[in-house]
C-alpha atoms as a PDB file:
ATOM      1  CA  MET A   1     104.951  57.356 118.838  1.00  0.00           C
ATOM      2  CA  GLU A   2     105.512  54.771 116.035  1.00  0.00           C
ATOM      3  CA  ASN A   3     106.285  57.411 113.342  1.00  0.00           C
ATOM      4  CA  PHE A   4     108.510  59.661 115.444  1.00  0.00           C
ATOM      5  CA  THR A   5     111.535  61.226 113.257  1.00  0.00           C
ATOM      6  CA  PRO A   6     113.281  63.461 115.703  1.00  0.00           C
ATOM      7  CA  TYR A   7     115.112  65.010 112.864  1.00  0.00           C
ATOM      8  CA  SER A   8     112.343  66.287 110.690  1.00  0.00           C
ATOM      9  CA  ALA A   9     110.554  67.304 114.039  1.00  0.00           C
ATOM     10  CA  LEU A  10     113.747  69.330 114.773  1.00  0.00           C
ATOM     11  CA  ALA A  11     113.699  70.926 111.653  1.00  0.00           C
ATOM     12  CA  GLY A  12     110.129  71.707 111.615  1.00  0.00           C
ATOM     13  CA  GLY A  13     110.386  73.415 115.145  1.00  0.00           C
ATOM     14  CA  ALA A  14     113.480  75.523 113.917  1.00  0.00           C
ATOM     15  CA  LEU A  15     111.584  76.569 110.825  1.00  0.00           C
ATOM     16  CA  ILE A  16     108.452  77.747 112.622  1.00  0.00           C
ATOM     17  CA  GLY A  17     110.729  79.605 115.374  1.00  0.00           C
ATOM     18  CA  LEU A  18     112.694  81.359 112.556  1.00  0.00           C
ATOM     19  CA  SER A  19     109.557  82.414 110.878  1.00  0.00           C
ATOM     20  CA  ALA A  20     108.124  83.878 113.818  1.00  0.00           C
ATOM     21  CA  ALA A  21     111.339  85.592 114.727  1.00  0.00           C
ATOM     22  CA  LEU A  22     111.516  87.033 111.008  1.00  0.00           C
ATOM     23  CA  LEU A  23     107.538  88.073 111.435  1.00  0.00           C
ATOM     24  CA  MET A  24     108.448  89.951 114.456  1.00  0.00           C
ATOM     25  CA  LEU A  25     111.863  91.467 113.531  1.00  0.00           C
ATOM     26  CA  LEU A  26     110.471  92.576 109.749  1.00  0.00           C
ATOM     27  CA  ASN A  27     107.060  93.425 110.234  1.00  0.00           C
ATOM     28  CA  GLY A  28     106.717  93.946 113.977  1.00  0.00           C
ATOM     29  CA  ARG A  29     103.927  91.221 114.239  1.00  0.00           C
ATOM     30  CA  ILE A  30     103.317  88.364 116.352  1.00  0.00           C
ATOM     31  CA  ALA A  31     102.650  85.055 114.508  1.00  0.00           C
ATOM     32  CA  GLY A  32      99.892  84.018 116.465  1.00  0.00           C
ATOM     33  CA  ILE A  33      97.453  82.132 113.819  1.00  0.00           C
ATOM     34  CA  SER A  34      94.291  83.123 115.318  1.00  0.00           C
ATOM     35  CA  GLY A  35      95.191  86.812 115.364  1.00  0.00           C
ATOM     36  CA  ILE A  36      96.441  86.461 111.716  1.00  0.00           C
ATOM     37  CA  ILE A  37      93.227  84.628 110.560  1.00  0.00           C
ATOM     38  CA  GLY A  38      90.683  87.114 112.370  1.00  0.00           C
ATOM     39  CA  ARG A  39      92.460  90.360 111.135  1.00  0.00           C
ATOM     40  CA  ALA A  40      92.704  88.718 107.528  1.00  0.00           C
ATOM     41  CA  LEU A  41      89.078  88.771 107.255  1.00  0.00           C
ATOM     42  CA  PRO A  42      86.799  91.860 106.638  1.00  0.00           C
ATOM     43  CA  PRO A  43      87.150  94.608 107.703  1.00  0.00           C
ATOM     44  CA  TYR A  44      90.654  94.772 107.058  1.00  0.00           C
ATOM     45  CA  GLN A  45      92.843  97.203 108.237  1.00  0.00           C
ATOM     46  CA  ARG A  46      94.409  99.239 105.501  1.00  0.00           C
ATOM     47  CA  GLY A  47      97.328  97.742 104.029  1.00  0.00           C
ATOM     48  CA  ASP A  48      97.474  94.764 106.164  1.00  0.00           C
ATOM     49  CA  ALA A  49      95.670  91.966 104.716  1.00  0.00           C
ATOM     50  CA  GLY A  50      98.191  91.020 102.315  1.00  0.00           C
ATOM     51  CA  TRP A  51     100.712  89.585 104.277  1.00  0.00           C
ATOM     52  CA  ARG A  52      98.403  87.826 106.585  1.00  0.00           C
ATOM     53  CA  LEU A  53      96.900  86.061 103.668  1.00  0.00           C
ATOM     54  CA  PHE A  54     100.282  85.104 102.074  1.00  0.00           C
ATOM     55  CA  PHE A  55     101.149  83.923 105.659  1.00  0.00           C
ATOM     56  CA  LEU A  56      97.914  81.791 105.576  1.00  0.00           C
ATOM     57  CA  ALA A  57      98.459  80.685 102.019  1.00  0.00           C
ATOM     58  CA  GLY A  58     102.172  79.169 103.039  1.00  0.00           C
ATOM     59  CA  LEU A  59     100.478  77.454 105.932  1.00  0.00           C
ATOM     60  CA  LEU A  60      98.048  75.517 103.450  1.00  0.00           C
ATOM     61  CA  LEU A  61     100.932  75.003 100.574  1.00  0.00           C
ATOM     62  CA  GLY A  62     103.453  73.763 103.080  1.00  0.00           C
ATOM     63  CA  PRO A  63     102.352  70.225 103.276  1.00  0.00           C
ATOM     64  CA  LEU A  64     101.475  70.495  99.456  1.00  0.00           C
ATOM     65  CA  ILE A  65     105.001  71.377  98.606  1.00  0.00           C
ATOM     66  CA  SER A  66     106.394  68.538 100.944  1.00  0.00           C
ATOM     67  CA  LYS A  67     104.310  66.030  99.185  1.00  0.00           C
ATOM     68  CA  LEU A  68     105.758  67.143  96.007  1.00  0.00           C
ATOM     69  CA  VAL A  69     109.335  67.363  97.217  1.00  0.00           C
ATOM     70  CA  ASP A  70     109.646  64.139  99.272  1.00  0.00           C
ATOM     71  CA  GLY A  71     106.518  62.131  98.781  1.00  0.00           C
ATOM     72  CA  ASN A  72     105.889  61.626 102.330  1.00  0.00           C
ATOM     73  CA  ALA A  73     103.628  64.732 103.256  1.00  0.00           C
ATOM     74  CA  VAL A  74     101.429  64.551 106.357  1.00  0.00           C
ATOM     75  CA  ASP A  75      98.069  62.778 106.096  1.00  0.00           C
ATOM     76  CA  LEU A  76      95.264  65.327 105.977  1.00  0.00           C
ATOM     77  CA  ARG A  77      92.477  62.887 106.683  1.00  0.00           C
ATOM     78  CA  MET A  78      90.024  63.524 109.187  1.00  0.00           C
ATOM     79  CA  ASP A  79      88.490  60.509 110.800  1.00  0.00           C
ATOM     80  CA  ALA A  80      85.906  62.739 112.836  1.00  0.00           C
ATOM     81  CA  PRO A  81      82.326  63.399 111.541  1.00  0.00           C
ATOM     82  CA  TRP A  82      81.728  66.854 110.300  1.00  0.00           C
ATOM     83  CA  PRO A  83      79.549  67.879 113.218  1.00  0.00           C
ATOM     84  CA  VAL A  84      82.121  67.124 115.883  1.00  0.00           C
ATOM     85  CA  LEU A  85      84.848  68.959 113.594  1.00  0.00           C
ATOM     86  CA  ILE A  86      82.391  72.171 113.524  1.00  0.00           C
ATOM     87  CA  VAL A  87      81.978  71.859 117.364  1.00  0.00           C
ATOM     88  CA  ALA A  88      85.488  71.270 118.029  1.00  0.00           C
ATOM     89  CA  GLY A  89      86.491  74.239 115.672  1.00  0.00           C
ATOM     90  CA  LEU A  90      84.158  76.915 117.352  1.00  0.00           C
ATOM     91  CA  LEU A  91      85.153  75.564 120.797  1.00  0.00           C
ATOM     92  CA  VAL A  92      88.722  76.559 119.695  1.00  0.00           C
ATOM     93  CA  GLY A  93      87.729  79.647 118.368  1.00  0.00           C
ATOM     94  CA  TYR A  94      85.988  80.749 122.002  1.00  0.00           C
ATOM     95  CA  GLY A  95      89.149  79.427 123.569  1.00  0.00           C
ATOM     96  CA  THR A  96      91.499  81.424 121.868  1.00  0.00           C
ATOM     97  CA  SER A  97      88.955  84.504 122.142  1.00  0.00           C
ATOM     98  CA  LEU A  98      88.897  83.957 125.837  1.00  0.00           C
ATOM     99  CA  GLY A  99      92.819  83.333 126.382  1.00  0.00           C
ATOM    100  CA  GLY A 100      93.757  86.078 124.051  1.00  0.00           C
ATOM    101  CA  GLY A 101      95.438  84.527 121.605  1.00  0.00           C
ATOM    102  CA  CYS A 102      96.252  80.621 120.521  1.00  0.00           C
ATOM    103  CA  THR A 103      98.946  78.068 121.095  1.00  0.00           C
ATOM    104  CA  SER A 104     101.242  79.720 118.296  1.00  0.00           C
ATOM    105  CA  GLY A 105     100.868  83.132 119.683  1.00  0.00           C
ATOM    106  CA  HIS A 106     101.267  82.330 123.256  1.00  0.00           C
ATOM    107  CA  GLY A 107     103.757  79.116 122.983  1.00  0.00           C
ATOM    108  CA  VAL A 108     105.860  80.091 120.630  1.00  0.00           C
ATOM    109  CA  CYS A 109     105.911  83.946 120.336  1.00  0.00           C
ATOM    110  CA  GLY A 110     104.941  84.923 124.127  1.00  0.00           C
ATOM    111  CA  LEU A 111     107.357  82.483 125.654  1.00  0.00           C
ATOM    112  CA  ALA A 112     110.197  83.359 123.587  1.00  0.00           C
ATOM    113  CA  ARG A 113     109.280  87.171 124.833  1.00  0.00           C
ATOM    114  CA  LEU A 114     109.068  85.874 128.380  1.00  0.00           C
ATOM    115  CA  SER A 115     105.515  86.815 128.865  1.00  0.00           C
ATOM    116  CA  PRO A 116     104.136  85.565 132.189  1.00  0.00           C
ATOM    117  CA  ARG A 117     100.574  85.932 130.542  1.00  0.00           C
ATOM    118  CA  SER A 118     101.637  83.348 127.703  1.00  0.00           C
ATOM    119  CA  ALA A 119     103.402  80.968 130.357  1.00  0.00           C
ATOM    120  CA  ALA A 120     100.327  80.755 132.266  1.00  0.00           C
ATOM    121  CA  ALA A 121      98.077  80.277 128.752  1.00  0.00           C
ATOM    122  CA  THR A 122     100.627  77.883 127.429  1.00  0.00           C
ATOM    123  CA  VAL A 123     100.374  75.552 130.713  1.00  0.00           C
ATOM    124  CA  ILE A 124      96.483  76.097 130.735  1.00  0.00           C
ATOM    125  CA  PHE A 125      96.586  74.872 126.935  1.00  0.00           C
ATOM    126  CA  MET A 126      98.788  71.869 127.544  1.00  0.00           C
ATOM    127  CA  ALA A 127      96.719  70.774 130.613  1.00  0.00           C
ATOM    128  CA  VAL A 128      93.295  70.894 128.832  1.00  0.00           C
ATOM    129  CA  ALA A 129      94.838  69.111 125.716  1.00  0.00           C
ATOM    130  CA  GLY A 130      96.379  66.285 128.073  1.00  0.00           C
ATOM    131  CA  MET A 131      92.913  65.880 129.720  1.00  0.00           C
ATOM    132  CA  THR A 132      90.897  66.109 126.575  1.00  0.00           C
ATOM    133  CA  VAL A 133      93.092  63.247 125.214  1.00  0.00           C
ATOM    134  CA  TYR A 134      92.569  61.162 128.401  1.00  0.00           C
ATOM    135  CA  ILE A 135      88.655  61.897 128.418  1.00  0.00           C
ATOM    136  CA  VAL A 136      88.217  61.127 124.495  1.00  0.00           C
ATOM    137  CA  ARG A 137      90.787  57.780 124.594  1.00  0.00           C
ATOM    138  CA  HIS A 138      89.873  56.151 128.190  1.00  0.00           C
ATOM    139  CA  TRP A 139      86.226  57.473 128.910  1.00  0.00           C
ATOM    140  CA  ILE A 140      84.778  57.728 125.269  1.00  0.00           C
ATOM    141  CA  GLY A 141      87.004  55.090 124.078  1.00  0.00           C
ATOM    142  CA  ALA A 142      87.801  56.734 120.835  1.00  0.00           C
ATOM    143  CA  ARG A 143      91.205  55.873 119.048  1.00  0.00           C
ATOM    144  CA  GLY A 144      93.180  58.228 116.721  1.00  0.00           C
END
């Protein structure tokens, strides 16, 4: 980890936790990205699409605002070919459907609520992520 910056990582994690807590306290909603995206698409629930679209806009605008403020935004370049990205996206979508949520919903919000289902899902997410990195780097030979 050559570019690890603990203070910005801590600040980012605190902001994610704060935004998830505020969404739950003020709106009664869980900050699970797959659910927010899935329910922001038609058919809309009455009066529900607006906050979801603003939340997603914030996710997209955050790196751009960071770049304007300090000039050190995250590199948004993808080195994988489009077919690999499409298959990966479909697999993630299938996994979130199968797991009843995504890493943000289970890992951030579910663990904070002490949900056993979210704890199991998060352990599985992390184990599969570790195995995927190992397979891609050591068996396939790709470097990222």
